[in-house]
Amino acid sequence: MDNLELFFSVALLGFSLILFVISAVTYKRIGSRRLLLVSAAFGMFLVKGLLLILGLFIASIGKIFNASVLMIMVDFAILAFLYLSVVKK
C-alpha cells in the first residue's frame, strides 16, 4: 500500500463528504433540482472514495475497483450529473 495513494484516497473521501453534506443541506433548504443533481454527483464521489479506501485494505475489492473501465464509468456518471446540473433549466 502506497502512502500517497492512501492520503489522496482519504482526502477524496473527506472532501467529497463535506461537499455532499453542504449540497444536500442546501438542496433541502432551497429545493432546486440542480442542487439535487450536484448532491448526487458528490454522493457518487463519496461512494467512489469509500470503494477506493476499501480496495486498499481488501485485496479482492481492490482488484474489482482498480479496473480502469469501472472507474471511468463512475467518473463519467459523476460528470454527467454535474453537466446536467449546469445545463438544466
PDB file of N, CA and C in Angstrom:
ATOM      1  N   MET A   1       0.849  -1.178   0.000  1.00  0.00           N
ATOM      2  CA  MET A   1       0.000   0.000   0.000  1.00  0.00           C
ATOM      3  C   MET A   1       0.893   1.239   0.000  1.00  0.00           C
ATOM      4  N   ASP A   2       0.631   2.109  -0.904  1.00  0.00           N
ATOM      5  CA  ASP A   2       1.393   3.331  -1.060  1.00  0.00           C
ATOM      6  C   ASP A   2       0.800   4.421  -0.161  1.00  0.00           C
ATOM      7  N   ASN A   3       1.662   5.117   0.585  1.00  0.00           N
ATOM      8  CA  ASN A   3       1.182   6.160   1.499  1.00  0.00           C
ATOM      9  C   ASN A   3       0.526   7.316   0.747  1.00  0.00           C
ATOM     10  N   LEU A   4       1.066   7.657  -0.418  1.00  0.00           N
ATOM     11  CA  LEU A   4       0.496   8.742  -1.205  1.00  0.00           C
ATOM     12  C   LEU A   4      -0.901   8.378  -1.704  1.00  0.00           C
ATOM     13  N   GLU A   5      -1.067   7.133  -2.133  1.00  0.00           N
ATOM     14  CA  GLU A   5      -2.378   6.664  -2.584  1.00  0.00           C
ATOM     15  C   GLU A   5      -3.388   6.682  -1.442  1.00  0.00           C
ATOM     16  N   LEU A   6      -2.960   6.256  -0.263  1.00  0.00           N
ATOM     17  CA  LEU A   6      -3.834   6.280   0.907  1.00  0.00           C
ATOM     18  C   LEU A   6      -4.217   7.712   1.272  1.00  0.00           C
ATOM     19  N   PHE A   7      -3.243   8.614   1.255  1.00  0.00           N
ATOM     20  CA  PHE A   7      -3.510  10.014   1.592  1.00  0.00           C
ATOM     21  C   PHE A   7      -4.557  10.612   0.663  1.00  0.00           C
ATOM     22  N   PHE A   8      -4.372  10.438  -0.653  1.00  0.00           N
ATOM     23  CA  PHE A   8      -5.306  11.039  -1.598  1.00  0.00           C
ATOM     24  C   PHE A   8      -6.668  10.342  -1.581  1.00  0.00           C
ATOM     25  N   SER A   9      -6.699   9.065  -1.262  1.00  0.00           N
ATOM     26  CA  SER A   9      -7.990   8.378  -1.140  1.00  0.00           C
ATOM     27  C   SER A   9      -8.774   8.915   0.051  1.00  0.00           C
ATOM     28  N   VAL A  10      -8.098   9.109   1.167  1.00  0.00           N
ATOM     29  CA  VAL A  10      -8.751   9.659   2.360  1.00  0.00           C
ATOM     30  C   VAL A  10      -9.135  11.122   2.119  1.00  0.00           C
ATOM     31  N   ALA A  11      -8.278  11.873   1.438  1.00  0.00           N
ATOM     32  CA  ALA A  11      -8.595  13.271   1.125  1.00  0.00           C
ATOM     33  C   ALA A  11      -9.813  13.358   0.206  1.00  0.00           C
ATOM     34  N   LEU A  12      -9.887  12.478  -0.794  1.00  0.00           N
ATOM     35  CA  LEU A  12     -11.047  12.437  -1.685  1.00  0.00           C
ATOM     36  C   LEU A  12     -12.313  12.120  -0.905  1.00  0.00           C
ATOM     37  N   LEU A  13     -12.221  11.160  -0.012  1.00  0.00           N
ATOM     38  CA  LEU A  13     -13.370  10.777   0.803  1.00  0.00           C
ATOM     39  C   LEU A  13     -13.827  11.941   1.686  1.00  0.00           C
ATOM     40  N   GLY A  14     -12.900  12.568   2.372  1.00  0.00           N
ATOM     41  CA  GLY A  14     -13.249  13.671   3.265  1.00  0.00           C
ATOM     42  C   GLY A  14     -13.816  14.869   2.534  1.00  0.00           C
ATOM     43  N   PHE A  15     -13.174  15.255   1.444  1.00  0.00           N
ATOM     44  CA  PHE A  15     -13.630  16.416   0.690  1.00  0.00           C
ATOM     45  C   PHE A  15     -14.992  16.158   0.054  1.00  0.00           C
ATOM     46  N   SER A  16     -15.190  14.958  -0.484  1.00  0.00           N
ATOM     47  CA  SER A  16     -16.487  14.655  -1.095  1.00  0.00           C
ATOM     48  C   SER A  16     -17.582  14.564  -0.036  1.00  0.00           C
ATOM     49  N   LEU A  17     -17.257  14.099   1.157  1.00  0.00           N
ATOM     50  CA  LEU A  17     -18.240  14.063   2.241  1.00  0.00           C
ATOM     51  C   LEU A  17     -18.676  15.469   2.610  1.00  0.00           C
ATOM     52  N   ILE A  18     -17.722  16.369   2.744  1.00  0.00           N
ATOM     53  CA  ILE A  18     -18.042  17.763   3.081  1.00  0.00           C
ATOM     54  C   ILE A  18     -18.906  18.388   1.993  1.00  0.00           C
ATOM     55  N   LEU A  19     -18.521  18.212   0.732  1.00  0.00           N
ATOM     56  CA  LEU A  19     -19.283  18.801  -0.372  1.00  0.00           C
ATOM     57  C   LEU A  19     -20.675  18.180  -0.495  1.00  0.00           C
ATOM     58  N   PHE A  20     -20.784  16.875  -0.243  1.00  0.00           N
ATOM     59  CA  PHE A  20     -22.083  16.224  -0.299  1.00  0.00           C
ATOM     60  C   PHE A  20     -23.013  16.754   0.780  1.00  0.00           C
ATOM     61  N   VAL A  21     -22.506  16.884   1.995  1.00  0.00           N
ATOM     62  CA  VAL A  21     -23.337  17.378   3.095  1.00  0.00           C
ATOM     63  C   VAL A  21     -23.780  18.819   2.831  1.00  0.00           C
ATOM     64  N   ILE A  22     -22.861  19.657   2.381  1.00  0.00           N
ATOM     65  CA  ILE A  22     -23.211  21.054   2.104  1.00  0.00           C
ATOM     66  C   ILE A  22     -24.269  21.143   1.006  1.00  0.00           C
ATOM     67  N   SER A  23     -24.069  20.390  -0.089  1.00  0.00           N
ATOM     68  CA  SER A  23     -25.035  20.466  -1.187  1.00  0.00           C
ATOM     69  C   SER A  23     -26.373  19.843  -0.807  1.00  0.00           C
ATOM     70  N   ALA A  24     -26.378  18.791   0.005  1.00  0.00           N
ATOM     71  CA  ALA A  24     -27.633  18.170   0.431  1.00  0.00           C
ATOM     72  C   ALA A  24     -28.424  19.104   1.353  1.00  0.00           C
ATOM     73  N   VAL A  25     -27.729  19.762   2.258  1.00  0.00           N
ATOM     74  CA  VAL A  25     -28.401  20.708   3.156  1.00  0.00           C
ATOM     75  C   VAL A  25     -28.949  21.894   2.358  1.00  0.00           C
ATOM     76  N   THR A  26     -28.171  22.372   1.405  1.00  0.00           N
ATOM     77  CA  THR A  26     -28.627  23.478   0.570  1.00  0.00           C
ATOM     78  C   THR A  26     -29.822  23.054  -0.274  1.00  0.00           C
ATOM     79  N   TYR A  27     -29.792  21.835  -0.807  1.00  0.00           N
ATOM     80  CA  TYR A  27     -30.934  21.342  -1.577  1.00  0.00           C
ATOM     81  C   TYR A  27     -32.180  21.268  -0.703  1.00  0.00           C
ATOM     82  N   LYS A  28     -32.023  20.787   0.512  1.00  0.00           N
ATOM     83  CA  LYS A  28     -33.171  20.670   1.422  1.00  0.00           C
ATOM     84  C   LYS A  28     -33.757  22.048   1.729  1.00  0.00           C
ATOM     85  N   ARG A  29     -32.893  23.041   1.844  1.00  0.00           N
ATOM     86  CA  ARG A  29     -33.353  24.393   2.156  1.00  0.00           C
ATOM     87  C   ARG A  29     -33.973  25.076   0.945  1.00  0.00           C
ATOM     88  N   ILE A  30     -33.356  24.944  -0.227  1.00  0.00           N
ATOM     89  CA  ILE A  30     -33.817  25.665  -1.410  1.00  0.00           C
ATOM     90  C   ILE A  30     -34.758  24.818  -2.267  1.00  0.00           C
ATOM     91  N   GLY A  31     -34.447  23.537  -2.419  1.00  0.00           N
ATOM     92  CA  GLY A  31     -35.297  22.654  -3.202  1.00  0.00           C
ATOM     93  C   GLY A  31     -35.064  22.704  -4.704  1.00  0.00           C
ATOM     94  N   SER A  32     -33.934  23.226  -5.133  1.00  0.00           N
ATOM     95  CA  SER A  32     -33.630  23.326  -6.553  1.00  0.00           C
ATOM     96  C   SER A  32     -33.234  21.953  -7.109  1.00  0.00           C
ATOM     97  N   ARG A  33     -33.768  21.630  -8.284  1.00  0.00           N
ATOM     98  CA  ARG A  33     -33.450  20.355  -8.922  1.00  0.00           C
ATOM     99  C   ARG A  33     -31.975  20.286  -9.302  1.00  0.00           C
ATOM    100  N   ARG A  34     -31.391  21.411  -9.626  1.00  0.00           N
ATOM    101  CA  ARG A  34     -29.954  21.455  -9.944  1.00  0.00           C
ATOM    102  C   ARG A  34     -29.118  21.014  -8.746  1.00  0.00           C
ATOM    103  N   LEU A  35     -29.497  21.469  -7.586  1.00  0.00           N
ATOM    104  CA  LEU A  35     -28.745  21.079  -6.387  1.00  0.00           C
ATOM    105  C   LEU A  35     -28.899  19.598  -6.087  1.00  0.00           C
ATOM    106  N   LEU A  36     -30.021  19.026  -6.456  1.00  0.00           N
ATOM    107  CA  LEU A  36     -30.198  17.588  -6.289  1.00  0.00           C
ATOM    108  C   LEU A  36     -29.204  16.827  -7.169  1.00  0.00           C
ATOM    109  N   LEU A  37     -29.007  17.281  -8.403  1.00  0.00           N
ATOM    110  CA  LEU A  37     -28.044  16.641  -9.297  1.00  0.00           C
ATOM    111  C   LEU A  37     -26.610  16.824  -8.799  1.00  0.00           C
ATOM    112  N   VAL A  38     -26.309  18.001  -8.282  1.00  0.00           N
ATOM    113  CA  VAL A  38     -24.981  18.242  -7.724  1.00  0.00           C
ATOM    114  C   VAL A  38     -24.761  17.351  -6.500  1.00  0.00           C
ATOM    115  N   SER A  39     -25.772  17.237  -5.650  1.00  0.00           N
ATOM    116  CA  SER A  39     -25.668  16.358  -4.482  1.00  0.00           C
ATOM    117  C   SER A  39     -25.442  14.909  -4.901  1.00  0.00           C
ATOM    118  N   ALA A  40     -26.136  14.483  -5.944  1.00  0.00           N
ATOM    119  CA  ALA A  40     -25.951  13.113  -6.438  1.00  0.00           C
ATOM    120  C   ALA A  40     -24.528  12.901  -6.942  1.00  0.00           C
ATOM    121  N   ALA A  41     -23.978  13.890  -7.627  1.00  0.00           N
ATOM    122  CA  ALA A  41     -22.601  13.778  -8.123  1.00  0.00           C
ATOM    123  C   ALA A  41     -21.611  13.690  -6.961  1.00  0.00           C
ATOM    124  N   PHE A  42     -21.770  14.548  -5.969  1.00  0.00           N
ATOM    125  CA  PHE A  42     -20.862  14.491  -4.819  1.00  0.00           C
ATOM    126  C   PHE A  42     -21.068  13.206  -4.018  1.00  0.00           C
ATOM    127  N   GLY A  43     -22.293  12.710  -3.973  1.00  0.00           N
ATOM    128  CA  GLY A  43     -22.554  11.425  -3.325  1.00  0.00           C
ATOM    129  C   GLY A  43     -21.840  10.286  -4.033  1.00  0.00           C
ATOM    130  N   MET A  44     -21.794  10.369  -5.366  1.00  0.00           N
ATOM    131  CA  MET A  44     -21.074   9.336  -6.116  1.00  0.00           C
ATOM    132  C   MET A  44     -19.572   9.420  -5.870  1.00  0.00           C
ATOM    133  N   PHE A  45     -19.047  10.631  -5.742  1.00  0.00           N
ATOM    134  CA  PHE A  45     -17.641  10.772  -5.374  1.00  0.00           C
ATOM    135  C   PHE A  45     -17.388  10.177  -3.989  1.00  0.00           C
ATOM    136  N   LEU A  46     -18.334  10.351  -3.086  1.00  0.00           N
ATOM    137  CA  LEU A  46     -18.227   9.785  -1.749  1.00  0.00           C
ATOM    138  C   LEU A  46     -18.168   8.257  -1.812  1.00  0.00           C
ATOM    139  N   VAL A  47     -19.038   7.663  -2.599  1.00  0.00           N
ATOM    140  CA  VAL A  47     -19.042   6.206  -2.763  1.00  0.00           C
ATOM    141  C   VAL A  47     -17.742   5.750  -3.406  1.00  0.00           C
ATOM    142  N   LYS A  48     -17.278   6.481  -4.405  1.00  0.00           N
ATOM    143  CA  LYS A  48     -16.020   6.132  -5.062  1.00  0.00           C
ATOM    144  C   LYS A  48     -14.860   6.175  -4.068  1.00  0.00           C
ATOM    145  N   GLY A  49     -14.829   7.201  -3.221  1.00  0.00           N
ATOM    146  CA  GLY A  49     -13.781   7.294  -2.211  1.00  0.00           C
ATOM    147  C   GLY A  49     -13.821   6.134  -1.238  1.00  0.00           C
ATOM    148  N   LEU A  50     -15.022   5.749  -0.824  1.00  0.00           N
ATOM    149  CA  LEU A  50     -15.153   4.585   0.066  1.00  0.00           C
ATOM    150  C   LEU A  50     -14.639   3.312  -0.598  1.00  0.00           C
ATOM    151  N   LEU A  51     -14.995   3.128  -1.864  1.00  0.00           N
ATOM    152  CA  LEU A  51     -14.553   1.940  -2.583  1.00  0.00           C
ATOM    153  C   LEU A  51     -13.045   1.932  -2.788  1.00  0.00           C
ATOM    154  N   LEU A  52     -12.462   3.093  -3.036  1.00  0.00           N
ATOM    155  CA  LEU A  52     -11.013   3.165  -3.192  1.00  0.00           C
ATOM    156  C   LEU A  52     -10.296   2.814  -1.891  1.00  0.00           C
ATOM    157  N   ILE A  53     -10.808   3.311  -0.776  1.00  0.00           N
ATOM    158  CA  ILE A  53     -10.180   3.006   0.512  1.00  0.00           C
ATOM    159  C   ILE A  53     -10.362   1.537   0.862  1.00  0.00           C
ATOM    160  N   LEU A  54     -11.555   0.995   0.635  1.00  0.00           N
ATOM    161  CA  LEU A  54     -11.762  -0.432   0.867  1.00  0.00           C
ATOM    162  C   LEU A  54     -10.846  -1.264  -0.021  1.00  0.00           C
ATOM    163  N   GLY A  55     -10.645  -0.813  -1.258  1.00  0.00           N
ATOM    164  CA  GLY A  55      -9.767  -1.522  -2.181  1.00  0.00           C
ATOM    165  C   GLY A  55      -8.323  -1.538  -1.740  1.00  0.00           C
ATOM    166  N   LEU A  56      -7.907  -0.552  -0.958  1.00  0.00           N
ATOM    167  CA  LEU A  56      -6.535  -0.535  -0.454  1.00  0.00           C
ATOM    168  C   LEU A  56      -6.316  -1.578   0.640  1.00  0.00           C
ATOM    169  N   PHE A  57      -7.368  -1.902   1.375  1.00  0.00           N
ATOM    170  CA  PHE A  57      -7.233  -2.813   2.503  1.00  0.00           C
ATOM    171  C   PHE A  57      -7.740  -4.223   2.225  1.00  0.00           C
ATOM    172  N   ILE A  58      -8.638  -4.368   1.271  1.00  0.00           N
ATOM    173  CA  ILE A  58      -9.194  -5.687   0.949  1.00  0.00           C
ATOM    174  C   ILE A  58      -8.820  -5.998  -0.497  1.00  0.00           C
ATOM    175  N   ALA A  59      -7.995  -7.006  -0.682  1.00  0.00           N
ATOM    176  CA  ALA A  59      -7.419  -7.291  -1.998  1.00  0.00           C
ATOM    177  C   ALA A  59      -8.477  -7.618  -3.046  1.00  0.00           C
ATOM    178  N   SER A  60      -9.495  -8.389  -2.676  1.00  0.00           N
ATOM    179  CA  SER A  60     -10.496  -8.779  -3.674  1.00  0.00           C
ATOM    180  C   SER A  60     -11.289  -7.574  -4.171  1.00  0.00           C
ATOM    181  N   ILE A  61     -11.574  -6.630  -3.286  1.00  0.00           N
ATOM    182  CA  ILE A  61     -12.275  -5.408  -3.696  1.00  0.00           C
ATOM    183  C   ILE A  61     -11.340  -4.531  -4.512  1.00  0.00           C
ATOM    184  N   GLY A  62     -10.074  -4.504  -4.133  1.00  0.00           N
ATOM    185  CA  GLY A  62      -9.089  -3.707  -4.855  1.00  0.00           C
ATOM    186  C   GLY A  62      -8.949  -4.141  -6.296  1.00  0.00           C
ATOM    187  N   LYS A  63      -9.032  -5.434  -6.546  1.00  0.00           N
ATOM    188  CA  LYS A  63      -8.932  -5.926  -7.921  1.00  0.00           C
ATOM    189  C   LYS A  63     -10.125  -5.500  -8.746  1.00  0.00           C
ATOM    190  N   ILE A  64     -11.304  -5.491  -8.147  1.00  0.00           N
ATOM    191  CA  ILE A  64     -12.522  -5.117  -8.873  1.00  0.00           C
ATOM    192  C   ILE A  64     -12.543  -3.619  -9.157  1.00  0.00           C
ATOM    193  N   PHE A  65     -12.273  -2.810  -8.145  1.00  0.00           N
ATOM    194  CA  PHE A  65     -12.415  -1.368  -8.296  1.00  0.00           C
ATOM    195  C   PHE A  65     -11.156  -0.683  -8.784  1.00  0.00           C
ATOM    196  N   ASN A  66     -10.107  -1.436  -9.003  1.00  0.00           N
ATOM    197  CA  ASN A  66      -8.915  -0.874  -9.595  1.00  0.00           C
ATOM    198  C   ASN A  66      -8.993  -0.950 -11.115  1.00  0.00           C
ATOM    199  N   ALA A  67      -9.991  -1.665 -11.608  1.00  0.00           N
ATOM    200  CA  ALA A  67     -10.183  -1.789 -13.052  1.00  0.00           C
ATOM    201  C   ALA A  67     -10.497  -0.425 -13.640  1.00  0.00           C
ATOM    202  N   SER A  68      -9.769  -0.046 -14.645  1.00  0.00           N
ATOM    203  CA  SER A  68      -9.918   1.305 -15.185  1.00  0.00           C
ATOM    204  C   SER A  68     -11.280   1.525 -15.835  1.00  0.00           C
ATOM    205  N   VAL A  69     -11.870   0.513 -16.435  1.00  0.00           N
ATOM    206  CA  VAL A  69     -13.157   0.689 -17.098  1.00  0.00           C
ATOM    207  C   VAL A  69     -14.232   1.060 -16.078  1.00  0.00           C
ATOM    208  N   LEU A  70     -14.251   0.396 -14.937  1.00  0.00           N
ATOM    209  CA  LEU A  70     -15.246   0.687 -13.908  1.00  0.00           C
ATOM    210  C   LEU A  70     -15.069   2.102 -13.355  1.00  0.00           C
ATOM    211  N   MET A  71     -13.845   2.499 -13.098  1.00  0.00           N
ATOM    212  CA  MET A  71     -13.606   3.845 -12.575  1.00  0.00           C
ATOM    213  C   MET A  71     -13.963   4.907 -13.605  1.00  0.00           C
ATOM    214  N   ILE A  72     -13.707   4.610 -14.873  1.00  0.00           N
ATOM    215  CA  ILE A  72     -14.070   5.561 -15.917  1.00  0.00           C
ATOM    216  C   ILE A  72     -15.587   5.697 -16.000  1.00  0.00           C
ATOM    217  N   MET A  73     -16.309   4.603 -15.835  1.00  0.00           N
ATOM    218  CA  MET A  73     -17.771   4.656 -15.859  1.00  0.00           C
ATOM    219  C   MET A  73     -18.307   5.484 -14.696  1.00  0.00           C
ATOM    220  N   VAL A  74     -17.739   5.319 -13.522  1.00  0.00           N
ATOM    221  CA  VAL A  74     -18.170   6.096 -12.356  1.00  0.00           C
ATOM    222  C   VAL A  74     -17.868   7.572 -12.576  1.00  0.00           C
ATOM    223  N   ASP A  75     -16.681   7.876 -13.069  1.00  0.00           N
ATOM    224  CA  ASP A  75     -16.335   9.269 -13.337  1.00  0.00           C
ATOM    225  C   ASP A  75     -17.238   9.874 -14.405  1.00  0.00           C
ATOM    226  N   PHE A  76     -17.591   9.093 -15.423  1.00  0.00           N
ATOM    227  CA  PHE A  76     -18.488   9.579 -16.459  1.00  0.00           C
ATOM    228  C   PHE A  76     -19.857   9.912 -15.876  1.00  0.00           C
ATOM    229  N   ALA A  77     -20.366   9.057 -15.010  1.00  0.00           N
ATOM    230  CA  ALA A  77     -21.666   9.310 -14.385  1.00  0.00           C
ATOM    231  C   ALA A  77     -21.618  10.570 -13.523  1.00  0.00           C
ATOM    232  N   ILE A  78     -20.549  10.762 -12.807  1.00  0.00           N
ATOM    233  CA  ILE A  78     -20.400  11.962 -11.974  1.00  0.00           C
ATOM    234  C   ILE A  78     -20.385  13.213 -12.842  1.00  0.00           C
ATOM    235  N   LEU A  79     -19.601  13.173 -13.912  1.00  0.00           N
ATOM    236  CA  LEU A  79     -19.542  14.321 -14.808  1.00  0.00           C
ATOM    237  C   LEU A  79     -20.889  14.578 -15.472  1.00  0.00           C
ATOM    238  N   ALA A  80     -21.624  13.524 -15.776  1.00  0.00           N
ATOM    239  CA  ALA A  80     -22.950  13.694 -16.372  1.00  0.00           C
ATOM    240  C   ALA A  80     -23.890  14.415 -15.409  1.00  0.00           C
ATOM    241  N   PHE A  81     -23.866  14.037 -14.130  1.00  0.00           N
ATOM    242  CA  PHE A  81     -24.696  14.728 -13.139  1.00  0.00           C
ATOM    243  C   PHE A  81     -24.305  16.193 -13.018  1.00  0.00           C
ATOM    244  N   LEU A  82     -23.020  16.477 -12.990  1.00  0.00           N
ATOM    245  CA  LEU A  82     -22.579  17.867 -12.893  1.00  0.00           C
ATOM    246  C   LEU A  82     -22.956  18.649 -14.150  1.00  0.00           C
ATOM    247  N   TYR A  83     -22.833  18.035 -15.315  1.00  0.00           N
ATOM    248  CA  TYR A  83     -23.227  18.697 -16.561  1.00  0.00           C
ATOM    249  C   TYR A  83     -24.721  19.006 -16.560  1.00  0.00           C
ATOM    250  N   LEU A  84     -25.522  18.028 -16.172  1.00  0.00           N
ATOM    251  CA  LEU A  84     -26.968  18.236 -16.152  1.00  0.00           C
ATOM    252  C   LEU A  84     -27.365  19.323 -15.162  1.00  0.00           C
ATOM    253  N   SER A  85     -26.639  19.423 -14.063  1.00  0.00           N
ATOM    254  CA  SER A  85     -26.978  20.454 -13.077  1.00  0.00           C
ATOM    255  C   SER A  85     -26.681  21.852 -13.604  1.00  0.00           C
ATOM    256  N   VAL A  86     -25.710  21.971 -14.479  1.00  0.00           N
ATOM    257  CA  VAL A  86     -25.353  23.265 -15.022  1.00  0.00           C
ATOM    258  C   VAL A  86     -26.249  23.627 -16.205  1.00  0.00           C
ATOM    259  N   VAL A  87     -26.552  22.651 -17.073  1.00  0.00           N
ATOM    260  CA  VAL A  87     -27.276  22.914 -18.310  1.00  0.00           C
ATOM    261  C   VAL A  87     -28.775  22.943 -18.090  1.00  0.00           C
ATOM    262  N   LYS A  88     -29.282  22.156 -17.154  1.00  0.00           N
ATOM    263  CA  LYS A  88     -30.724  22.018 -16.940  1.00  0.00           C
ATOM    264  C   LYS A  88     -31.348  23.365 -16.573  1.00  0.00           C
ATOM    265  N   LYS A  89     -32.461  23.672 -17.258  1.00  0.00           N
ATOM    266  CA  LYS A  89     -33.151  24.943 -16.983  1.00  0.00           C
ATOM    267  C   LYS A  89     -34.335  24.740 -16.096  1.00  0.00           C
TER     268      LYS A  89
END
